[in-house]
């Protein structure tokens, strides 16, 4: 694990694999940390890729910025991290909120994106009711902490059947949620409530894009992923059976097979 200070926050990250491998940046969702991507980091580095997994500000080991953090702030943090590492262009991917950060990164720094991975995410702006919900949830986390929230959503973060079928995975996901600083989670929720509409940007994407979704995702269902794949020219869509909102940990072998095939056939071929 390494760290740097950027935009008044200390960011912790892992930079794994060969320095000359194709760089792949993987951005975790809310309220997790970089260990969410451990199965992908192992598979990708074994295949010769360089894998960069940051803890977003307010999550994991990174410093907390209380109040509100916009998705643009997270995206600019990643750009600063790539500057620090001397990486000009990378495959940029994320799950859920991390997917929205990847979309924001592409919106702000398009020339730095070699390819996109969008997993279990949505490009639409928040609705009025959604903004109220996220701000109320932020208030709740600050008042009560993360434990009750983690218990409430575990059977939505994972497909409900995987909570019992995959106890080690459920324990890891619960552990990440419970360990998150409520101030960081609340700041991200308030910023995410103000996210822009990425649909126009996605329609102009010119890089290879992989859209992945768990077959039983209740937060961002398959129909949402299908809509994203129709927006992006020549996008590749993969539905992961036996998974909910976090297919990378629920079905890592299936997820990794899809991702490695995409990198081999759509990205490496363009190097």
Protein backbone atom coordinates (compact mmCIF):
# COMPACT_ATOMS: atom_id res chain seq x y z
CA UNK A 1 0.00 0.00 0.00
CA UNK A 2 1.22 3.49 -0.89
CA UNK A 3 -0.16 6.97 -0.32
CA UNK A 4 0.04 10.53 -1.54
CA UNK A 5 -1.51 13.81 -0.54
CA UNK A 6 -3.70 15.36 -3.20
CA UNK A 7 -6.22 18.18 -2.99
CA UNK A 8 -5.85 18.34 0.82
CA UNK A 9 -6.51 14.62 1.36
CA UNK A 10 -4.24 11.64 1.88
CA UNK A 11 -5.11 8.91 -0.60
CA UNK A 12 -4.03 5.32 -0.11
CA UNK A 13 -3.75 2.97 -3.05
CA UNK A 14 -2.24 -0.25 -4.36
CA UNK A 15 -0.17 -0.28 -7.54
CA UNK A 16 0.37 -3.90 -8.50
CA UNK A 17 1.79 -5.87 -11.40
CA UNK A 18 4.44 -5.05 -14.01
CA UNK A 19 5.15 -1.38 -14.58
CA UNK A 20 5.03 -1.91 -18.34
CA UNK A 21 1.65 -3.67 -18.28
CA UNK A 22 -1.51 -2.02 -19.54
CA UNK A 23 -2.65 0.15 -16.59
CA UNK A 24 -6.10 -0.70 -15.24
CA UNK A 25 -7.64 1.61 -12.63
CA UNK A 26 -10.46 0.02 -10.62
CA UNK A 27 -12.70 2.30 -8.54
CA UNK A 28 -14.75 0.85 -5.70
CA UNK A 29 -18.33 1.81 -4.92
CA UNK A 30 -20.06 3.06 -1.78
CA UNK A 31 -19.41 2.26 1.03
CA UNK A 32 -16.44 0.02 0.27
CA UNK A 33 -12.70 0.25 -0.25
CA UNK A 34 -10.01 -0.96 -2.61
CA UNK A 35 -10.07 -4.54 -1.24
CA UNK A 36 -13.35 -4.99 -3.12
CA UNK A 37 -11.19 -5.50 -6.21
CA UNK A 38 -8.80 -8.08 -4.73
CA UNK A 39 -10.03 -10.96 -6.97
CA UNK A 40 -9.61 -8.82 -10.07
CA UNK A 41 -6.21 -7.51 -9.00
CA UNK A 42 -4.90 -11.07 -8.64
CA UNK A 43 -6.24 -12.19 -12.00
CA UNK A 44 -5.17 -9.09 -13.91
CA UNK A 45 -1.64 -8.94 -12.54
CA UNK A 46 -1.21 -12.65 -13.27
CA UNK A 47 -2.12 -11.83 -16.88
CA UNK A 48 0.53 -9.10 -17.05
CA UNK A 49 -1.57 -6.01 -16.42
CA UNK A 50 -0.73 -3.17 -14.05
CA UNK A 51 -3.58 -2.69 -11.57
CA UNK A 52 -4.16 0.53 -9.62
CA UNK A 53 -6.82 0.41 -6.91
CA UNK A 54 -7.32 3.58 -4.84
CA UNK A 55 -9.25 4.07 -1.65
CA UNK A 56 -11.46 7.04 -2.50
CA UNK A 57 -11.25 9.96 -0.10
CA UNK A 58 -13.46 9.18 2.87
CA UNK A 59 -13.16 5.42 2.39
CA UNK A 60 -10.75 2.71 3.45
CA UNK A 61 -7.42 4.09 4.63
CA UNK A 62 -7.76 7.43 2.84
CA UNK A 63 -8.39 10.72 4.60
CA UNK A 64 -11.88 12.09 5.14
CA UNK A 65 -13.25 15.26 3.60
CA UNK A 66 -16.44 16.02 5.56
CA UNK A 67 -19.40 17.88 4.14
CA UNK A 68 -19.81 17.06 0.47
CA UNK A 69 -17.56 15.48 -2.17
CA UNK A 70 -18.76 15.68 -5.76
CA UNK A 71 -18.05 12.93 -8.26
CA UNK A 72 -15.84 15.45 -10.05
CA UNK A 73 -13.67 15.63 -6.94
CA UNK A 74 -13.21 11.87 -6.90
CA UNK A 75 -12.41 11.89 -10.63
CA UNK A 76 -9.81 14.62 -10.24
CA UNK A 77 -8.23 12.69 -7.37
CA UNK A 78 -7.76 9.76 -9.74
CA UNK A 79 -6.25 12.04 -12.38
CA UNK A 80 -3.80 13.35 -9.77
CA UNK A 81 -2.94 9.79 -8.75
CA UNK A 82 -2.20 8.88 -12.36
CA UNK A 83 -0.04 11.99 -12.66
CA UNK A 84 1.86 10.90 -9.55
CA UNK A 85 2.40 7.43 -11.04
CA UNK A 86 3.41 8.75 -14.45
CA UNK A 87 0.46 7.07 -16.18
CA UNK A 88 -0.83 9.05 -19.13
CA UNK A 89 -3.68 6.73 -20.25
CA UNK A 90 -5.40 3.83 -18.50
CA UNK A 91 -8.33 1.50 -18.63
CA UNK A 92 -10.69 3.07 -16.09
CA UNK A 93 -13.44 1.06 -14.46
CA UNK A 94 -15.73 1.08 -11.49
CA UNK A 95 -18.73 -0.51 -9.88
CA UNK A 96 -21.87 1.36 -8.80
CA UNK A 97 -20.72 4.80 -7.58
CA UNK A 98 -17.29 3.82 -8.87
CA UNK A 99 -18.83 3.38 -12.32
CA UNK A 100 -20.26 6.89 -12.10
CA UNK A 101 -16.82 8.16 -11.11
CA UNK A 102 -15.40 6.39 -14.17
CA UNK A 103 -18.01 8.15 -16.31
CA UNK A 104 -17.12 11.47 -14.68
CA UNK A 105 -13.43 10.79 -15.25
CA UNK A 106 -14.15 10.18 -18.92
CA UNK A 107 -16.21 13.39 -19.07
CA UNK A 108 -13.42 15.47 -17.53
CA UNK A 109 -10.33 13.65 -18.82
CA UNK A 110 -11.34 11.83 -22.01
CA UNK A 111 -7.85 11.68 -23.49
CA UNK A 112 -6.62 9.74 -20.48
CA UNK A 113 -9.12 6.89 -20.95
CA UNK A 114 -7.89 3.90 -22.93
CA UNK A 115 -11.05 1.88 -22.29
CA UNK A 116 -13.99 1.86 -19.87
CA UNK A 117 -15.40 -0.77 -17.52
CA UNK A 118 -18.86 0.09 -16.18
CA UNK A 119 -20.22 -2.42 -13.68
CA UNK A 120 -23.67 -2.25 -12.07
CA UNK A 121 -24.07 1.49 -12.44
CA UNK A 122 -26.38 4.18 -13.81
CA UNK A 123 -25.68 7.21 -16.03
CA UNK A 124 -28.89 9.06 -15.17
CA UNK A 125 -28.98 12.15 -12.95
CA UNK A 126 -30.55 11.81 -9.53
CA UNK A 127 -34.27 12.39 -9.25
CA UNK A 128 -35.71 14.89 -6.77
CA UNK A 129 -36.81 12.03 -4.52
CA UNK A 130 -33.41 10.38 -4.91
CA UNK A 131 -31.68 13.58 -3.80
CA UNK A 132 -33.88 13.74 -0.71
CA UNK A 133 -33.22 10.06 0.02
CA UNK A 134 -29.43 10.40 -0.24
CA UNK A 135 -29.34 13.46 1.97
CA UNK A 136 -31.57 11.79 4.58
CA UNK A 137 -29.33 8.73 4.46
CA UNK A 138 -26.28 10.94 4.95
CA UNK A 139 -27.93 12.43 8.04
CA UNK A 140 -28.71 8.93 9.34
CA UNK A 141 -25.14 7.69 8.90
CA UNK A 142 -23.75 10.70 10.74
CA UNK A 143 -26.22 10.18 13.58
CA UNK A 144 -26.16 6.38 13.86
CA UNK A 145 -22.96 5.15 12.24
CA UNK A 146 -22.64 2.44 9.60
CA UNK A 147 -23.69 -0.77 11.35
CA UNK A 148 -27.46 -0.53 10.97
CA UNK A 149 -27.18 0.61 7.36
CA UNK A 150 -24.84 -2.27 6.54
CA UNK A 151 -27.30 -4.77 7.97
CA UNK A 152 -30.16 -3.16 6.04
CA UNK A 153 -28.51 -3.34 2.61
CA UNK A 154 -26.36 -6.48 2.62
CA UNK A 155 -29.08 -8.49 0.85
CA UNK A 156 -29.22 -5.83 -1.87
CA UNK A 157 -25.48 -5.33 -2.27
CA UNK A 158 -25.25 -9.08 -2.79
CA UNK A 159 -27.96 -11.20 -4.34
CA UNK A 160 -30.05 -12.27 -1.35
CA UNK A 161 -29.20 -15.95 -1.87
CA UNK A 162 -25.48 -15.18 -1.79
CA UNK A 163 -25.63 -13.72 1.71
CA UNK A 164 -25.99 -17.26 3.04
CA UNK A 165 -24.42 -19.19 0.15
CA UNK A 166 -21.19 -17.12 0.26
CA UNK A 167 -20.62 -16.36 3.95
CA UNK A 168 -16.99 -15.27 3.51
CA UNK A 169 -17.98 -12.83 0.78
CA UNK A 170 -20.86 -11.49 2.87
CA UNK A 171 -18.52 -11.05 5.85
CA UNK A 172 -16.03 -9.13 3.70
CA UNK A 173 -18.70 -6.84 2.27
CA UNK A 174 -20.22 -6.20 5.69
CA UNK A 175 -16.77 -5.55 7.12
CA UNK A 176 -15.99 -2.93 4.49
CA UNK A 177 -19.30 -1.17 5.05
CA UNK A 178 -19.03 -1.16 8.83
CA UNK A 179 -15.43 0.11 8.74
CA UNK A 180 -16.24 3.11 6.55
CA UNK A 181 -16.07 6.49 8.27
CA UNK A 182 -19.66 7.85 8.35
CA UNK A 183 -18.36 11.32 7.52
CA UNK A 184 -16.80 10.09 4.31
CA UNK A 185 -19.86 8.06 3.35
CA UNK A 186 -22.17 11.01 4.04
CA UNK A 187 -20.02 13.42 2.03
CA UNK A 188 -20.09 11.09 -0.96
CA UNK A 189 -23.85 10.61 -0.70
CA UNK A 190 -24.43 14.37 -0.72
CA UNK A 191 -22.13 14.81 -3.70
CA UNK A 192 -23.63 11.90 -5.60
CA UNK A 193 -27.08 13.41 -5.15
CA UNK A 194 -25.90 16.25 -7.40
CA UNK A 195 -24.42 14.10 -10.15
CA UNK A 196 -24.92 15.20 -13.76
CA UNK A 197 -26.52 13.29 -16.62
CA UNK A 198 -23.86 11.14 -18.28
CA UNK A 199 -26.03 9.81 -21.09
CA UNK A 200 -24.94 12.44 -23.61
CA UNK A 201 -21.29 11.87 -22.77
CA UNK A 202 -21.64 8.12 -23.12
CA UNK A 203 -23.14 8.48 -26.58
CA UNK A 204 -19.86 10.12 -27.64
CA UNK A 205 -17.54 7.51 -26.12
CA UNK A 206 -14.96 6.43 -28.67
CA UNK A 207 -12.99 3.89 -26.64
CA UNK A 208 -13.74 0.20 -26.05
CA UNK A 209 -16.29 -0.19 -23.27
CA UNK A 210 -17.31 -3.21 -21.23
CA UNK A 211 -20.67 -3.04 -19.44
CA UNK A 212 -21.15 -5.69 -16.75
CA UNK A 213 -24.13 -6.37 -14.50
CA UNK A 214 -25.18 -9.05 -12.06
CA UNK A 215 -28.24 -10.92 -13.32
CA UNK A 216 -30.04 -10.31 -10.02
CA UNK A 217 -28.92 -6.74 -9.28
CA UNK A 218 -31.83 -4.92 -7.62
CA UNK A 219 -30.13 -1.49 -7.47
CA UNK A 220 -29.14 -1.22 -11.15
CA UNK A 221 -30.97 -4.03 -12.95
CA UNK A 222 -30.03 -5.68 -16.22
CA UNK A 223 -32.30 -3.27 -18.10
CA UNK A 224 -30.11 -0.38 -16.90
CA UNK A 225 -26.98 -2.06 -18.24
CA UNK A 226 -28.72 -2.79 -21.52
CA UNK A 227 -29.62 0.88 -21.83
CA UNK A 228 -25.99 1.89 -21.20
CA UNK A 229 -24.72 -0.57 -23.80
CA UNK A 230 -27.15 0.85 -26.36
CA UNK A 231 -25.89 4.38 -25.67
CA UNK A 232 -22.20 3.59 -26.18
CA UNK A 233 -21.08 2.77 -29.72
CA UNK A 234 -19.86 -0.84 -29.97
CA UNK A 235 -20.07 -1.50 -26.22
CA UNK A 236 -19.75 -5.08 -24.97
CA UNK A 237 -22.43 -6.19 -22.51
CA UNK A 238 -22.03 -9.13 -20.14
CA UNK A 239 -24.62 -10.36 -17.65
CA UNK A 240 -23.12 -12.35 -14.76
CA UNK A 241 -25.39 -15.13 -13.54
CA UNK A 242 -25.52 -15.89 -9.84
CA UNK A 243 -24.73 -12.32 -8.79
CA UNK A 244 -26.38 -9.14 -7.58
CA UNK A 245 -24.88 -5.64 -7.33
CA UNK A 246 -21.28 -6.79 -6.78
CA UNK A 247 -20.55 -9.51 -9.36
CA UNK A 248 -16.80 -9.02 -9.01
CA UNK A 249 -16.89 -10.57 -5.53
CA UNK A 250 -19.98 -12.75 -5.89
CA UNK A 251 -18.78 -14.49 -9.06
CA UNK A 252 -15.13 -13.46 -9.43
CA UNK A 253 -14.13 -16.20 -11.86
CA UNK A 254 -16.95 -15.33 -14.27
CA UNK A 255 -16.30 -11.61 -13.90
CA UNK A 256 -12.56 -12.05 -14.43
CA UNK A 257 -13.04 -14.21 -17.50
CA UNK A 258 -15.20 -11.53 -19.10
CA UNK A 259 -12.82 -8.72 -18.16
CA UNK A 260 -9.67 -10.52 -19.30
CA UNK A 261 -11.29 -11.45 -22.60
CA UNK A 262 -12.30 -7.82 -23.13
CA UNK A 263 -8.80 -6.57 -22.38
CA UNK A 264 -7.25 -9.15 -24.68
CA UNK A 265 -9.58 -8.71 -27.65
CA UNK A 266 -10.66 -5.06 -27.44
CA UNK A 267 -7.82 -3.26 -25.67
CA UNK A 268 -4.52 -5.08 -26.19
CA UNK A 269 -5.31 -5.34 -29.88
CA UNK A 270 -5.39 -1.52 -30.08
CA UNK A 271 -2.09 -1.03 -28.26
